[in-house]
């Protein structure tokens, strides 16, 4: 069982672990229900939608690497709020990050909170951000927003844990290539050492 908090637990067999890249999963998740979506919001949305209808998971866990100026490299942060950071239709009178006519607010609030971890707001977009200066979100990735949105629409509990691999600054690409391989071991300690 995966322990989210003192009252909430989920069976590992009924949990779908979602990664963008196999390097983020390592070998730790080889014997689990693992989905590798590929990079980007569209790939993530397509692959998760197909997998939900095949496996019908009771919990979706998005695990992956992310950049942040507010958290330290090597830290794991629980994201419960999500922003589509490359959605900007202000020219037509919509709010920044709002998807026009979707009924979804600019900040999507959907996700379980793990009591032992710091909480973050994840800005997902189809770019590798290297000059992060936005204050509406404190973590950047490329897949979490659509995964959270799909989980919400399918009424499936969602847990999002991000391993901070870089500071979303000028050295982000070099830092990420070194740090990404450490992510799976960090996730293993959090998810499977607290199993029941």
N, C-alpha and C. Protein backbone atom coordinates (compact mmCIF):
# COMPACT_ATOMS: atom_id res chain seq x y z
N UNK A 1 0.83 -1.20 0.00
CA UNK A 1 0.00 0.00 0.00
C UNK A 1 0.87 1.25 0.00
N UNK A 2 0.38 2.28 -0.66
CA UNK A 2 1.04 3.58 -0.64
C UNK A 2 0.28 4.45 0.35
N UNK A 3 1.00 5.01 1.30
CA UNK A 3 0.39 5.84 2.33
C UNK A 3 0.51 7.30 1.94
N UNK A 4 -0.63 7.94 1.71
CA UNK A 4 -0.65 9.37 1.38
C UNK A 4 -0.64 10.19 2.67
N UNK A 5 -1.49 9.79 3.61
CA UNK A 5 -1.54 10.38 4.95
C UNK A 5 -2.11 9.33 5.90
N UNK A 6 -2.40 9.70 7.12
CA UNK A 6 -2.83 8.69 8.09
C UNK A 6 -4.15 8.02 7.71
N UNK A 7 -5.01 8.69 6.94
CA UNK A 7 -6.30 8.11 6.58
C UNK A 7 -6.35 7.54 5.16
N UNK A 8 -5.46 7.97 4.28
CA UNK A 8 -5.58 7.63 2.86
C UNK A 8 -4.45 6.71 2.40
N UNK A 9 -4.85 5.55 1.86
CA UNK A 9 -3.91 4.54 1.40
C UNK A 9 -4.41 3.96 0.08
N UNK A 10 -3.49 3.56 -0.78
CA UNK A 10 -3.86 2.96 -2.06
C UNK A 10 -3.01 1.72 -2.31
N UNK A 11 -3.61 0.74 -2.95
CA UNK A 11 -2.89 -0.47 -3.33
C UNK A 11 -1.89 -0.15 -4.44
N UNK A 12 -0.68 -0.66 -4.33
CA UNK A 12 0.34 -0.46 -5.37
C UNK A 12 -0.12 -1.09 -6.68
N UNK A 13 -0.80 -2.24 -6.58
CA UNK A 13 -1.26 -2.94 -7.80
C UNK A 13 -2.30 -2.14 -8.58
N UNK A 14 -3.03 -1.25 -7.90
CA UNK A 14 -4.07 -0.47 -8.56
C UNK A 14 -3.63 0.97 -8.85
N UNK A 15 -2.32 1.20 -8.70
CA UNK A 15 -1.74 2.53 -8.93
C UNK A 15 -1.01 2.55 -10.26
N UNK A 16 -1.21 3.63 -11.02
CA UNK A 16 -0.48 3.83 -12.27
C UNK A 16 0.58 4.90 -12.04
N UNK A 17 1.85 4.54 -12.26
CA UNK A 17 2.98 5.46 -12.08
C UNK A 17 3.33 6.03 -13.46
N UNK A 18 3.22 7.35 -13.60
CA UNK A 18 3.37 8.00 -14.89
C UNK A 18 4.64 8.86 -14.92
N UNK A 19 5.48 8.60 -15.91
CA UNK A 19 6.73 9.33 -16.12
C UNK A 19 6.77 9.84 -17.56
N UNK A 20 7.47 10.93 -17.79
CA UNK A 20 7.72 11.37 -19.16
C UNK A 20 8.79 10.50 -19.81
N UNK A 21 9.85 10.20 -19.04
CA UNK A 21 11.01 9.49 -19.58
C UNK A 21 11.37 8.26 -18.74
N UNK A 22 11.86 7.25 -19.40
CA UNK A 22 12.29 6.04 -18.70
C UNK A 22 13.44 6.33 -17.74
N UNK A 23 14.28 7.31 -18.07
CA UNK A 23 15.41 7.64 -17.19
C UNK A 23 14.94 8.18 -15.85
N UNK A 24 13.73 8.76 -15.79
CA UNK A 24 13.18 9.24 -14.52
C UNK A 24 12.68 8.08 -13.66
N UNK A 25 12.29 6.98 -14.30
CA UNK A 25 11.78 5.81 -13.57
C UNK A 25 12.89 4.87 -13.13
N UNK A 26 14.01 4.88 -13.85
CA UNK A 26 15.08 3.95 -13.53
C UNK A 26 14.59 2.51 -13.58
N UNK A 27 15.14 1.64 -12.72
CA UNK A 27 14.68 0.25 -12.65
C UNK A 27 13.73 0.04 -11.47
N UNK A 28 13.56 1.06 -10.65
CA UNK A 28 12.75 0.96 -9.43
C UNK A 28 11.30 0.58 -9.74
N UNK A 29 10.77 1.03 -10.88
CA UNK A 29 9.36 0.84 -11.19
C UNK A 29 9.11 -0.24 -12.24
N UNK A 30 10.14 -1.05 -12.53
CA UNK A 30 10.00 -2.08 -13.57
C UNK A 30 8.91 -3.10 -13.27
N UNK A 31 8.68 -3.40 -12.00
CA UNK A 31 7.67 -4.40 -11.63
C UNK A 31 6.34 -3.76 -11.22
N UNK A 32 6.18 -2.47 -11.53
CA UNK A 32 4.95 -1.73 -11.19
C UNK A 32 4.18 -1.40 -12.47
N UNK A 33 2.97 -0.90 -12.30
CA UNK A 33 2.19 -0.39 -13.44
C UNK A 33 2.78 0.95 -13.84
N UNK A 34 3.67 0.91 -14.82
CA UNK A 34 4.45 2.10 -15.21
C UNK A 34 4.04 2.53 -16.61
N UNK A 35 3.89 3.85 -16.78
CA UNK A 35 3.59 4.42 -18.09
C UNK A 35 4.65 5.47 -18.41
N UNK A 36 5.28 5.34 -19.57
CA UNK A 36 6.21 6.35 -20.07
C UNK A 36 5.49 7.09 -21.19
N UNK A 37 5.23 8.39 -20.99
CA UNK A 37 4.41 9.13 -21.95
C UNK A 37 5.20 9.77 -23.09
N UNK A 38 6.47 10.03 -22.86
CA UNK A 38 7.21 10.89 -23.77
C UNK A 38 7.09 12.33 -23.29
N UNK A 39 7.87 13.21 -23.89
CA UNK A 39 7.95 14.60 -23.44
C UNK A 39 6.82 15.44 -24.04
N UNK A 40 6.29 16.35 -23.22
CA UNK A 40 5.34 17.33 -23.71
C UNK A 40 3.90 17.05 -23.32
N UNK A 41 3.10 18.12 -23.36
CA UNK A 41 1.72 18.04 -22.90
C UNK A 41 0.86 17.13 -23.78
N UNK A 42 1.04 17.19 -25.08
CA UNK A 42 0.21 16.39 -25.99
C UNK A 42 0.50 14.91 -25.81
N UNK A 43 1.77 14.53 -25.80
CA UNK A 43 2.14 13.13 -25.59
C UNK A 43 1.60 12.62 -24.27
N UNK A 44 1.75 13.43 -23.21
CA UNK A 44 1.28 13.03 -21.88
C UNK A 44 -0.22 12.78 -21.89
N UNK A 45 -0.96 13.69 -22.51
CA UNK A 45 -2.42 13.56 -22.55
C UNK A 45 -2.86 12.32 -23.32
N UNK A 46 -2.26 12.10 -24.48
CA UNK A 46 -2.64 10.95 -25.31
C UNK A 46 -2.38 9.65 -24.57
N UNK A 47 -1.17 9.50 -24.05
CA UNK A 47 -0.77 8.22 -23.44
C UNK A 47 -1.55 7.94 -22.16
N UNK A 48 -1.78 8.96 -21.32
CA UNK A 48 -2.53 8.73 -20.09
C UNK A 48 -3.97 8.36 -20.40
N UNK A 49 -4.59 9.04 -21.35
CA UNK A 49 -5.98 8.74 -21.71
C UNK A 49 -6.13 7.29 -22.16
N UNK A 50 -5.21 6.83 -23.02
CA UNK A 50 -5.27 5.43 -23.48
C UNK A 50 -5.10 4.47 -22.31
N UNK A 51 -4.15 4.77 -21.43
CA UNK A 51 -3.83 3.86 -20.32
C UNK A 51 -4.96 3.78 -19.30
N UNK A 52 -5.63 4.90 -19.05
CA UNK A 52 -6.75 4.90 -18.09
C UNK A 52 -7.83 3.94 -18.56
N UNK A 53 -8.12 3.93 -19.83
CA UNK A 53 -9.19 3.08 -20.34
C UNK A 53 -8.76 1.62 -20.44
N UNK A 54 -7.47 1.36 -20.47
CA UNK A 54 -6.97 -0.02 -20.48
C UNK A 54 -6.87 -0.58 -19.06
N UNK A 55 -6.22 0.18 -18.16
CA UNK A 55 -5.91 -0.33 -16.81
C UNK A 55 -6.91 0.06 -15.73
N UNK A 56 -7.64 1.15 -15.93
CA UNK A 56 -8.60 1.66 -14.95
C UNK A 56 -7.98 1.77 -13.54
N UNK A 57 -6.95 2.60 -13.38
CA UNK A 57 -6.27 2.71 -12.08
C UNK A 57 -7.14 3.40 -11.03
N UNK A 58 -6.87 3.07 -9.77
CA UNK A 58 -7.57 3.72 -8.64
C UNK A 58 -6.81 4.97 -8.19
N UNK A 59 -5.53 5.08 -8.58
CA UNK A 59 -4.68 6.23 -8.25
C UNK A 59 -3.71 6.45 -9.39
N UNK A 60 -3.53 7.71 -9.79
CA UNK A 60 -2.51 8.07 -10.77
C UNK A 60 -1.43 8.85 -10.03
N UNK A 61 -0.18 8.41 -10.19
CA UNK A 61 0.96 9.09 -9.56
C UNK A 61 1.88 9.57 -10.66
N UNK A 62 2.00 10.88 -10.80
CA UNK A 62 2.94 11.47 -11.75
C UNK A 62 4.25 11.73 -11.04
N UNK A 63 5.31 11.12 -11.52
CA UNK A 63 6.64 11.28 -10.95
C UNK A 63 7.56 11.78 -12.05
N UNK A 64 8.40 12.74 -11.72
CA UNK A 64 9.32 13.22 -12.74
C UNK A 64 10.24 14.30 -12.23
N UNK A 65 11.09 14.74 -13.11
CA UNK A 65 12.04 15.80 -12.78
C UNK A 65 11.43 17.15 -13.13
N UNK A 66 11.91 18.17 -12.45
CA UNK A 66 11.39 19.53 -12.69
C UNK A 66 12.44 20.54 -12.26
N UNK A 67 12.29 21.75 -12.78
CA UNK A 67 13.17 22.85 -12.40
C UNK A 67 12.49 23.74 -11.37
N UNK A 68 13.31 24.40 -10.56
CA UNK A 68 12.75 25.32 -9.57
C UNK A 68 13.82 26.25 -9.04
N UNK A 69 13.44 27.51 -8.87
CA UNK A 69 14.32 28.45 -8.18
C UNK A 69 13.98 28.51 -6.69
N UNK A 70 12.79 28.03 -6.32
CA UNK A 70 12.34 28.12 -4.94
C UNK A 70 12.66 26.91 -4.08
N UNK A 71 12.97 25.77 -4.73
CA UNK A 71 13.31 24.55 -4.01
C UNK A 71 14.72 24.14 -4.41
N UNK A 72 15.34 23.29 -3.61
CA UNK A 72 16.73 22.90 -3.83
C UNK A 72 16.85 21.65 -4.69
N UNK A 73 17.94 21.57 -5.44
CA UNK A 73 18.24 20.37 -6.22
C UNK A 73 18.25 19.16 -5.30
N UNK A 74 17.60 18.09 -5.74
CA UNK A 74 17.55 16.86 -4.95
C UNK A 74 16.33 16.76 -4.05
N UNK A 75 15.58 17.86 -3.92
CA UNK A 75 14.38 17.86 -3.09
C UNK A 75 13.21 17.27 -3.88
N UNK A 76 12.29 16.59 -3.18
CA UNK A 76 11.06 16.11 -3.80
C UNK A 76 9.92 16.96 -3.26
N UNK A 77 9.12 17.51 -4.17
CA UNK A 77 8.04 18.43 -3.83
C UNK A 77 6.71 17.84 -4.32
N UNK A 78 5.68 17.98 -3.52
CA UNK A 78 4.33 17.53 -3.87
C UNK A 78 3.58 18.69 -4.51
N UNK A 79 3.13 18.51 -5.74
CA UNK A 79 2.38 19.55 -6.45
C UNK A 79 0.88 19.27 -6.37
N UNK A 80 0.13 20.27 -5.94
CA UNK A 80 -1.33 20.14 -5.84
C UNK A 80 -2.04 21.22 -6.66
N UNK A 81 -1.27 22.13 -7.24
CA UNK A 81 -1.82 23.17 -8.11
C UNK A 81 -1.00 23.19 -9.39
N UNK A 82 -1.71 23.45 -10.50
CA UNK A 82 -1.07 23.35 -11.81
C UNK A 82 -1.49 24.50 -12.71
N UNK A 83 -0.52 25.00 -13.47
CA UNK A 83 -0.74 26.10 -14.40
C UNK A 83 -0.21 25.67 -15.77
N UNK A 84 -0.98 25.98 -16.81
CA UNK A 84 -0.51 25.74 -18.17
C UNK A 84 0.26 27.01 -18.58
N UNK A 85 1.56 27.00 -18.34
CA UNK A 85 2.35 28.23 -18.39
C UNK A 85 2.50 28.83 -19.79
N UNK A 86 2.22 28.07 -20.82
CA UNK A 86 2.33 28.63 -22.17
C UNK A 86 0.97 28.98 -22.77
N UNK A 87 -0.08 28.99 -21.94
CA UNK A 87 -1.41 29.40 -22.42
C UNK A 87 -1.58 30.89 -22.13
N UNK A 88 -1.65 31.69 -23.19
CA UNK A 88 -1.78 33.14 -23.03
C UNK A 88 -2.71 33.68 -24.12
N UNK A 89 -3.97 33.88 -23.75
CA UNK A 89 -4.96 34.40 -24.69
C UNK A 89 -5.52 35.71 -24.15
N UNK A 90 -4.65 36.49 -23.51
CA UNK A 90 -5.07 37.78 -22.97
C UNK A 90 -5.50 38.73 -24.07
N UNK A 91 -4.98 38.56 -25.26
CA UNK A 91 -5.35 39.40 -26.39
C UNK A 91 -6.83 39.33 -26.73
N UNK A 92 -7.49 38.25 -26.31
CA UNK A 92 -8.92 38.09 -26.55
C UNK A 92 -9.73 38.32 -25.27
N UNK A 93 -9.07 38.84 -24.24
CA UNK A 93 -9.78 39.19 -23.01
C UNK A 93 -9.83 38.12 -21.95
N UNK A 94 -9.07 37.03 -22.13
CA UNK A 94 -9.03 35.98 -21.12
C UNK A 94 -7.88 36.23 -20.15
N UNK A 95 -7.93 35.58 -18.99
CA UNK A 95 -6.85 35.72 -18.02
C UNK A 95 -5.62 34.96 -18.50
N UNK A 96 -4.46 35.40 -18.03
CA UNK A 96 -3.22 34.66 -18.30
C UNK A 96 -3.39 33.24 -17.77
N UNK A 97 -3.00 32.26 -18.54
CA UNK A 97 -3.05 30.81 -18.24
C UNK A 97 -4.44 30.21 -18.41
N UNK A 98 -5.46 31.00 -18.70
CA UNK A 98 -6.81 30.46 -18.85
C UNK A 98 -6.99 29.87 -20.24
N UNK A 99 -7.50 28.64 -20.30
CA UNK A 99 -7.86 28.05 -21.59
C UNK A 99 -9.25 28.55 -21.95
N UNK A 100 -9.38 29.31 -23.03
CA UNK A 100 -10.67 29.92 -23.37
C UNK A 100 -11.81 28.91 -23.45
N UNK A 101 -12.93 29.29 -22.86
CA UNK A 101 -14.20 28.57 -22.96
C UNK A 101 -14.13 27.14 -22.42
N UNK A 102 -13.15 26.84 -21.58
CA UNK A 102 -13.00 25.48 -21.06
C UNK A 102 -13.72 25.28 -19.73
N UNK A 103 -13.98 26.37 -19.02
CA UNK A 103 -14.55 26.24 -17.68
C UNK A 103 -13.53 25.87 -16.63
N UNK A 104 -12.27 25.74 -17.03
CA UNK A 104 -11.19 25.39 -16.10
C UNK A 104 -10.51 26.68 -15.67
N UNK A 105 -10.37 26.93 -14.36
CA UNK A 105 -9.71 28.16 -13.91
C UNK A 105 -8.23 28.18 -14.31
N UNK A 106 -7.61 29.36 -14.35
CA UNK A 106 -6.19 29.45 -14.73
C UNK A 106 -5.27 28.58 -13.86
N UNK A 107 -5.61 28.45 -12.56
CA UNK A 107 -4.84 27.57 -11.67
C UNK A 107 -5.72 26.37 -11.36
N UNK A 108 -5.31 25.22 -11.85
CA UNK A 108 -6.02 23.97 -11.62
C UNK A 108 -5.60 23.42 -10.25
N UNK A 109 -6.54 23.27 -9.35
CA UNK A 109 -6.25 22.72 -8.02
C UNK A 109 -6.79 21.31 -7.96
N UNK A 110 -5.89 20.34 -8.12
CA UNK A 110 -6.31 18.94 -8.05
C UNK A 110 -5.09 18.08 -7.73
N UNK A 111 -5.13 17.43 -6.62
CA UNK A 111 -4.02 16.56 -6.26
C UNK A 111 -4.00 16.27 -4.78
N UNK A 112 -3.54 15.09 -4.45
CA UNK A 112 -3.39 14.68 -3.06
C UNK A 112 -2.15 15.34 -2.46
N UNK A 113 -2.20 15.64 -1.18
CA UNK A 113 -1.08 16.24 -0.47
C UNK A 113 -0.44 15.20 0.43
N UNK A 114 0.85 14.96 0.25
CA UNK A 114 1.60 14.09 1.16
C UNK A 114 2.11 14.95 2.30
N UNK A 115 1.70 14.61 3.50
CA UNK A 115 1.98 15.44 4.68
C UNK A 115 3.47 15.67 4.92
N UNK A 116 4.31 14.75 4.51
CA UNK A 116 5.74 14.83 4.82
C UNK A 116 6.53 15.69 3.83
N UNK A 117 5.87 16.17 2.76
CA UNK A 117 6.60 16.89 1.71
C UNK A 117 6.15 18.35 1.62
N UNK A 118 7.06 19.20 1.13
CA UNK A 118 6.70 20.58 0.83
C UNK A 118 5.76 20.60 -0.37
N UNK A 119 4.94 21.65 -0.45
CA UNK A 119 3.94 21.75 -1.50
C UNK A 119 4.37 22.80 -2.53
N UNK A 120 4.09 22.51 -3.80
CA UNK A 120 4.47 23.44 -4.86
C UNK A 120 3.37 23.65 -5.87
N UNK A 121 3.55 24.69 -6.69
CA UNK A 121 2.65 24.99 -7.81
C UNK A 121 3.45 24.75 -9.08
N UNK A 122 2.98 23.82 -9.90
CA UNK A 122 3.72 23.40 -11.09
C UNK A 122 3.22 24.11 -12.34
N UNK A 123 4.12 24.76 -13.06
CA UNK A 123 3.82 25.38 -14.34
C UNK A 123 4.30 24.47 -15.46
N UNK A 124 3.36 23.87 -16.20
CA UNK A 124 3.70 22.96 -17.30
C UNK A 124 3.64 23.69 -18.63
N UNK A 125 4.59 23.41 -19.49
CA UNK A 125 4.60 24.02 -20.81
C UNK A 125 5.49 23.24 -21.76
N UNK A 126 5.29 23.46 -23.04
CA UNK A 126 6.06 22.75 -24.06
C UNK A 126 7.35 23.48 -24.39
N UNK A 127 8.09 23.83 -23.35
CA UNK A 127 9.42 24.41 -23.51
C UNK A 127 10.24 24.05 -22.28
N UNK A 128 11.53 23.88 -22.48
CA UNK A 128 12.45 23.64 -21.35
C UNK A 128 12.88 25.01 -20.84
N UNK A 129 12.33 25.40 -19.72
CA UNK A 129 12.52 26.77 -19.24
C UNK A 129 13.91 26.96 -18.61
N UNK A 130 14.62 27.97 -19.09
CA UNK A 130 15.98 28.24 -18.61
C UNK A 130 16.14 29.66 -18.08
N UNK A 131 15.07 30.43 -18.09
CA UNK A 131 15.11 31.80 -17.57
C UNK A 131 13.89 32.03 -16.69
N UNK A 132 13.67 31.14 -15.73
CA UNK A 132 12.44 31.20 -14.93
C UNK A 132 12.41 32.45 -14.08
N UNK A 133 11.36 33.26 -14.28
CA UNK A 133 11.20 34.48 -13.49
C UNK A 133 9.76 34.65 -13.03
N UNK A 134 8.88 33.77 -13.45
CA UNK A 134 7.46 33.87 -13.13
C UNK A 134 7.22 33.54 -11.65
N UNK A 135 6.34 34.29 -11.01
CA UNK A 135 6.07 34.06 -9.59
C UNK A 135 4.76 33.32 -9.33
N UNK A 136 3.94 33.08 -10.36
CA UNK A 136 2.68 32.38 -10.16
C UNK A 136 2.88 30.89 -9.92
N UNK A 137 4.01 30.36 -10.33
CA UNK A 137 4.34 28.96 -10.09
C UNK A 137 5.81 28.88 -9.67
N UNK A 138 6.13 27.86 -8.86
CA UNK A 138 7.50 27.76 -8.35
C UNK A 138 8.21 26.47 -8.79
N UNK A 139 7.59 25.73 -9.68
CA UNK A 139 8.18 24.52 -10.25
C UNK A 139 7.82 24.53 -11.74
N UNK A 140 8.75 24.11 -12.60
CA UNK A 140 8.46 24.02 -14.03
C UNK A 140 8.70 22.61 -14.54
N UNK A 141 7.74 22.13 -15.32
CA UNK A 141 7.89 20.84 -15.99
C UNK A 141 7.21 20.92 -17.35
N UNK A 142 7.03 19.78 -18.00
CA UNK A 142 6.46 19.79 -19.34
C UNK A 142 5.25 18.86 -19.49
N UNK A 143 4.77 18.24 -18.38
CA UNK A 143 3.67 17.27 -18.53
C UNK A 143 2.59 17.30 -17.45
N UNK A 144 2.84 17.80 -16.27
CA UNK A 144 1.93 17.58 -15.13
C UNK A 144 0.53 18.16 -15.33
N UNK A 145 0.42 19.35 -15.94
CA UNK A 145 -0.90 19.98 -16.07
C UNK A 145 -1.92 19.08 -16.78
N UNK A 146 -1.64 18.56 -17.97
CA UNK A 146 -2.66 17.72 -18.61
C UNK A 146 -2.93 16.44 -17.84
N UNK A 147 -1.93 15.89 -17.16
CA UNK A 147 -2.15 14.68 -16.38
C UNK A 147 -3.13 14.96 -15.23
N UNK A 148 -2.93 16.09 -14.54
CA UNK A 148 -3.83 16.46 -13.45
C UNK A 148 -5.24 16.73 -13.98
N UNK A 149 -5.33 17.41 -15.11
CA UNK A 149 -6.64 17.74 -15.68
C UNK A 149 -7.41 16.48 -16.09
N UNK A 150 -6.72 15.54 -16.71
CA UNK A 150 -7.36 14.29 -17.11
C UNK A 150 -7.79 13.49 -15.89
N UNK A 151 -6.93 13.40 -14.88
CA UNK A 151 -7.29 12.69 -13.66
C UNK A 151 -8.54 13.30 -13.03
N UNK A 152 -8.59 14.64 -13.00
CA UNK A 152 -9.75 15.32 -12.43
C UNK A 152 -11.02 14.99 -13.24
N UNK A 153 -10.93 15.09 -14.55
CA UNK A 153 -12.10 14.84 -15.39
C UNK A 153 -12.56 13.38 -15.32
N UNK A 154 -11.63 12.46 -15.08
CA UNK A 154 -11.96 11.04 -14.95
C UNK A 154 -12.28 10.66 -13.51
N UNK A 155 -12.20 11.65 -12.60
CA UNK A 155 -12.49 11.43 -11.18
C UNK A 155 -11.60 10.36 -10.55
N UNK A 156 -10.31 10.43 -10.88
CA UNK A 156 -9.32 9.50 -10.33
C UNK A 156 -8.38 10.31 -9.43
N UNK A 157 -8.16 9.87 -8.20
CA UNK A 157 -7.21 10.58 -7.33
C UNK A 157 -5.84 10.71 -8.01
N UNK A 158 -5.17 11.83 -7.75
CA UNK A 158 -3.92 12.16 -8.44
C UNK A 158 -2.89 12.63 -7.42
N UNK A 159 -1.70 12.06 -7.52
CA UNK A 159 -0.56 12.47 -6.69
C UNK A 159 0.56 12.86 -7.64
N UNK A 160 1.14 14.04 -7.42
CA UNK A 160 2.21 14.52 -8.30
C UNK A 160 3.43 14.86 -7.44
N UNK A 161 4.52 14.11 -7.65
CA UNK A 161 5.76 14.37 -6.95
C UNK A 161 6.84 14.73 -7.96
N UNK A 162 7.51 15.84 -7.73
CA UNK A 162 8.55 16.30 -8.65
C UNK A 162 9.89 16.34 -7.94
N UNK A 163 10.87 15.72 -8.58
CA UNK A 163 12.26 15.73 -8.12
C UNK A 163 12.93 16.95 -8.73
N UNK A 164 13.42 17.84 -7.91
CA UNK A 164 14.03 19.07 -8.42
C UNK A 164 15.42 18.75 -8.95
N UNK A 165 15.54 18.85 -10.27
CA UNK A 165 16.79 18.46 -10.95
C UNK A 165 17.65 19.66 -11.33
N UNK A 166 17.03 20.86 -11.36
CA UNK A 166 17.77 22.04 -11.79
C UNK A 166 17.06 23.28 -11.29
N UNK A 167 17.70 24.43 -11.47
CA UNK A 167 17.12 25.68 -10.95
C UNK A 167 16.41 26.49 -12.03
N UNK A 168 16.11 25.85 -13.17
CA UNK A 168 15.42 26.52 -14.30
C UNK A 168 16.16 27.78 -14.72
N UNK A 169 17.48 27.76 -14.56
CA UNK A 169 18.33 28.89 -14.94
C UNK A 169 19.25 28.51 -16.08
N UNK A 170 20.33 29.24 -16.23
CA UNK A 170 21.20 29.07 -17.39
C UNK A 170 21.93 27.72 -17.40
N UNK A 171 22.12 27.09 -16.23
CA UNK A 171 22.79 25.79 -16.18
C UNK A 171 21.80 24.63 -16.13
N UNK A 172 20.54 24.90 -16.38
CA UNK A 172 19.48 23.91 -16.20
C UNK A 172 19.72 22.64 -17.01
N UNK A 173 20.12 22.76 -18.26
CA UNK A 173 20.28 21.59 -19.12
C UNK A 173 21.37 20.67 -18.59
N UNK A 174 22.50 21.24 -18.17
CA UNK A 174 23.59 20.42 -17.63
C UNK A 174 23.19 19.77 -16.31
N UNK A 175 22.55 20.55 -15.43
CA UNK A 175 22.11 20.02 -14.14
C UNK A 175 21.11 18.89 -14.33
N UNK A 176 20.16 19.10 -15.25
CA UNK A 176 19.11 18.10 -15.46
C UNK A 176 19.71 16.77 -15.91
N UNK A 177 20.65 16.80 -16.84
CA UNK A 177 21.20 15.55 -17.38
C UNK A 177 21.93 14.73 -16.31
N UNK A 178 22.45 15.38 -15.28
CA UNK A 178 23.11 14.68 -14.18
C UNK A 178 22.10 14.21 -13.14
N UNK A 179 21.19 15.10 -12.75
CA UNK A 179 20.26 14.85 -11.66
C UNK A 179 19.12 13.89 -11.99
N UNK A 180 18.69 13.83 -13.25
CA UNK A 180 17.50 13.06 -13.62
C UNK A 180 17.62 11.59 -13.21
N UNK A 181 18.83 11.05 -13.23
CA UNK A 181 19.02 9.64 -12.91
C UNK A 181 18.86 9.34 -11.42
N UNK A 182 18.87 10.37 -10.59
CA UNK A 182 18.72 10.18 -9.14
C UNK A 182 17.26 10.20 -8.70
N UNK A 183 16.37 10.59 -9.60
CA UNK A 183 14.97 10.78 -9.25
C UNK A 183 14.30 9.51 -8.74
N UNK A 184 14.50 8.39 -9.43
CA UNK A 184 13.77 7.17 -9.07
C UNK A 184 14.10 6.69 -7.66
N UNK A 185 15.34 6.84 -7.25
CA UNK A 185 15.71 6.41 -5.88
C UNK A 185 15.05 7.31 -4.84
N UNK A 186 14.95 8.59 -5.14
CA UNK A 186 14.27 9.52 -4.22
C UNK A 186 12.79 9.16 -4.11
N UNK A 187 12.15 8.85 -5.23
CA UNK A 187 10.74 8.47 -5.21
C UNK A 187 10.54 7.15 -4.45
N UNK A 188 11.47 6.24 -4.62
CA UNK A 188 11.38 4.93 -3.93
C UNK A 188 11.36 5.13 -2.42
N UNK A 189 12.23 5.98 -1.92
CA UNK A 189 12.29 6.22 -0.47
C UNK A 189 10.97 6.79 0.07
N UNK A 190 10.38 7.68 -0.69
CA UNK A 190 9.13 8.33 -0.24
C UNK A 190 7.93 7.39 -0.37
N UNK A 191 7.80 6.75 -1.49
CA UNK A 191 6.60 5.95 -1.77
C UNK A 191 6.61 4.56 -1.15
N UNK A 192 7.76 3.92 -1.16
CA UNK A 192 7.79 2.52 -0.76
C UNK A 192 8.35 2.27 0.64
N UNK A 193 9.00 3.28 1.22
CA UNK A 193 9.42 3.11 2.61
C UNK A 193 8.27 3.42 3.55
N UNK A 194 7.25 4.14 3.02
CA UNK A 194 6.08 4.46 3.84
C UNK A 194 4.91 3.52 3.53
N UNK A 195 5.22 2.41 2.84
CA UNK A 195 4.14 1.46 2.53
C UNK A 195 3.72 0.73 3.78
N UNK A 196 2.51 0.24 3.74
CA UNK A 196 1.93 -0.44 4.91
C UNK A 196 2.04 -1.93 4.74
